[in-house]
Amino acid sequence: MLTTVKSIVTLGDEPQRLAEIELSLGKSEIQGCSLKQAARAASRYAERALIPKVLGRTKWNRKRAAEELQISYKALLYKLKQIGLYGSVD
């Protein structure tokens, strides 16, 4: 979500980023959706896109990926489980 907000502010591509958020939520969900729900959905969408890229860059070194993402190793494992890229949290 922070990346989306930064790109809207710096690049001015608000329509494109808002369209991405709509796709991640589904148009029907947006009409009855709170800002908090929209922010969570956008955050999950960003995590699903960013985490695999960082893991690819680090050759799936999860410790380095967590450091690069500035989250704890345990948080990365939890997020991997949420997005279906890891079986269970150690």
C-alpha atoms as a PDB file:
ATOM      1  CA  MET A   1       0.000   0.000   0.000  1.00  0.00           C
ATOM      2  CA  LEU A   2       2.829   2.375   0.870  1.00  0.00           C
ATOM      3  CA  THR A   3       4.400   1.711  -2.520  1.00  0.00           C
ATOM      4  CA  THR A   4       1.085   2.450  -4.203  1.00  0.00           C
ATOM      5  CA  VAL A   5       0.727   5.717  -2.307  1.00  0.00           C
ATOM      6  CA  LYS A   6       4.341   6.685  -3.090  1.00  0.00           C
ATOM      7  CA  SER A   7       3.878   6.017  -6.781  1.00  0.00           C
ATOM      8  CA  ILE A   8       0.649   8.010  -6.873  1.00  0.00           C
ATOM      9  CA  VAL A   9       2.375  10.960  -5.206  1.00  0.00           C
ATOM     10  CA  THR A  10       5.675  10.814  -7.123  1.00  0.00           C
ATOM     11  CA  LEU A  11       4.560   9.567 -10.517  1.00  0.00           C
ATOM     12  CA  GLY A  12       1.029  10.859 -10.569  1.00  0.00           C
ATOM     13  CA  ASP A  13      -0.345   7.588 -11.927  1.00  0.00           C
ATOM     14  CA  GLU A  14      -3.390   7.569  -9.671  1.00  0.00           C
ATOM     15  CA  PRO A  15      -5.827   6.053 -12.219  1.00  0.00           C
ATOM     16  CA  GLN A  16      -3.531   3.074 -12.889  1.00  0.00           C
ATOM     17  CA  ARG A  17      -2.889   2.349  -9.193  1.00  0.00           C
ATOM     18  CA  LEU A  18      -6.545   2.737  -8.266  1.00  0.00           C
ATOM     19  CA  ALA A  19      -7.420   0.322 -11.065  1.00  0.00           C
ATOM     20  CA  GLU A  20      -4.959  -2.196  -9.571  1.00  0.00           C
ATOM     21  CA  ILE A  21      -6.619  -1.831  -6.172  1.00  0.00           C
ATOM     22  CA  GLU A  22     -10.040  -2.341  -7.785  1.00  0.00           C
ATOM     23  CA  LEU A  23      -8.779  -5.518  -9.444  1.00  0.00           C
ATOM     24  CA  SER A  24      -7.429  -6.853  -6.159  1.00  0.00           C
ATOM     25  CA  LEU A  25     -10.701  -6.148  -4.352  1.00  0.00           C
ATOM     26  CA  GLY A  26     -13.207  -6.804  -7.087  1.00  0.00           C
ATOM     27  CA  LYS A  27     -15.472  -3.996  -8.270  1.00  0.00           C
ATOM     28  CA  SER A  28     -18.504  -5.231  -6.338  1.00  0.00           C
ATOM     29  CA  GLU A  29     -16.547  -5.196  -3.068  1.00  0.00           C
ATOM     30  CA  ILE A  30     -15.409  -1.590  -3.476  1.00  0.00           C
ATOM     31  CA  GLN A  31     -18.899  -0.103  -3.263  1.00  0.00           C
ATOM     32  CA  GLY A  32     -19.532  -1.496   0.247  1.00  0.00           C
ATOM     33  CA  CYS A  33     -15.899  -1.360   1.340  1.00  0.00           C
ATOM     34  CA  SER A  34     -14.354   0.733   4.090  1.00  0.00           C
ATOM     35  CA  LEU A  35     -11.032   2.496   3.686  1.00  0.00           C
ATOM     36  CA  LYS A  36      -9.520   0.063   6.189  1.00  0.00           C
ATOM     37  CA  GLN A  37     -10.645  -2.936   4.110  1.00  0.00           C
ATOM     38  CA  ALA A  38      -9.338  -1.327   0.927  1.00  0.00           C
ATOM     39  CA  ALA A  39      -5.966  -0.649   2.565  1.00  0.00           C
ATOM     40  CA  ARG A  40      -5.689  -4.267   3.759  1.00  0.00           C
ATOM     41  CA  ALA A  41      -6.575  -5.621   0.321  1.00  0.00           C
ATOM     42  CA  ALA A  42      -4.067  -3.322  -1.365  1.00  0.00           C
ATOM     43  CA  SER A  43      -1.419  -4.369   1.148  1.00  0.00           C
ATOM     44  CA  ARG A  44      -2.049  -8.069   0.468  1.00  0.00           C
ATOM     45  CA  TYR A  45      -1.932  -7.391  -3.272  1.00  0.00           C
ATOM     46  CA  ALA A  46       1.427  -5.602  -2.884  1.00  0.00           C
ATOM     47  CA  GLU A  47       2.819  -8.411  -0.708  1.00  0.00           C
ATOM     48  CA  ARG A  48       1.818 -11.038  -3.288  1.00  0.00           C
ATOM     49  CA  ALA A  49       3.682  -9.074  -5.941  1.00  0.00           C
ATOM     50  CA  LEU A  50       6.730  -7.957  -3.964  1.00  0.00           C
ATOM     51  CA  ILE A  51       7.682 -10.984  -1.844  1.00  0.00           C
ATOM     52  CA  PRO A  52       8.288 -13.373  -4.778  1.00  0.00           C
ATOM     53  CA  LYS A  53      10.380 -10.716  -6.554  1.00  0.00           C
ATOM     54  CA  VAL A  54      12.580 -10.218  -3.500  1.00  0.00           C
ATOM     55  CA  LEU A  55      12.898 -13.979  -2.986  1.00  0.00           C
ATOM     56  CA  GLY A  56      13.963 -14.349  -6.608  1.00  0.00           C
ATOM     57  CA  ARG A  57      16.560 -11.631  -6.177  1.00  0.00           C
ATOM     58  CA  THR A  58      17.952 -13.331  -3.067  1.00  0.00           C
ATOM     59  CA  LYS A  59      17.783 -16.807  -4.655  1.00  0.00           C
ATOM     60  CA  TRP A  60      15.163 -17.799  -2.054  1.00  0.00           C
ATOM     61  CA  ASN A  61      17.399 -16.883   0.871  1.00  0.00           C
ATOM     62  CA  ARG A  62      14.559 -16.109   3.260  1.00  0.00           C
ATOM     63  CA  LYS A  63      16.760 -14.447   5.873  1.00  0.00           C
ATOM     64  CA  ARG A  64      18.167 -11.973   3.331  1.00  0.00           C
ATOM     65  CA  ALA A  65      14.720 -11.445   1.827  1.00  0.00           C
ATOM     66  CA  ALA A  66      13.293 -10.594   5.263  1.00  0.00           C
ATOM     67  CA  GLU A  67      16.122  -8.120   5.856  1.00  0.00           C
ATOM     68  CA  GLU A  68      15.550  -6.510   2.459  1.00  0.00           C
ATOM     69  CA  LEU A  69      11.810  -6.278   3.129  1.00  0.00           C
ATOM     70  CA  GLN A  70      12.589  -4.849   6.585  1.00  0.00           C
ATOM     71  CA  ILE A  71      10.451  -7.427   8.376  1.00  0.00           C
ATOM     72  CA  SER A  72      11.335 -10.217  10.779  1.00  0.00           C
ATOM     73  CA  TYR A  73      12.136 -13.683   9.472  1.00  0.00           C
ATOM     74  CA  LYS A  74       9.088 -15.053  11.290  1.00  0.00           C
ATOM     75  CA  ALA A  75       6.864 -12.377   9.689  1.00  0.00           C
ATOM     76  CA  LEU A  76       8.173 -13.384   6.257  1.00  0.00           C
ATOM     77  CA  LEU A  77       7.385 -17.054   6.942  1.00  0.00           C
ATOM     78  CA  TYR A  78       3.879 -16.092   8.034  1.00  0.00           C
ATOM     79  CA  LYS A  79       3.342 -13.988   4.901  1.00  0.00           C
ATOM     80  CA  LEU A  80       4.683 -16.804   2.707  1.00  0.00           C
ATOM     81  CA  LYS A  81       2.165 -19.152   4.284  1.00  0.00           C
ATOM     82  CA  GLN A  82      -0.636 -16.618   3.711  1.00  0.00           C
ATOM     83  CA  ILE A  83       0.143 -16.261   0.005  1.00  0.00           C
ATOM     84  CA  GLY A  84       0.628 -20.000  -0.439  1.00  0.00           C
ATOM     85  CA  LEU A  85       4.379 -20.110  -1.055  1.00  0.00           C
ATOM     86  CA  TYR A  86       5.312 -21.971   2.120  1.00  0.00           C
ATOM     87  CA  GLY A  87       3.711 -25.031   3.729  1.00  0.00           C
ATOM     88  CA  SER A  88       3.918 -24.274   7.439  1.00  0.00           C
ATOM     89  CA  VAL A  89       5.584 -21.851   9.797  1.00  0.00           C
ATOM     90  CA  ASP A  90       8.609 -23.381  11.586  1.00  0.00           C
END
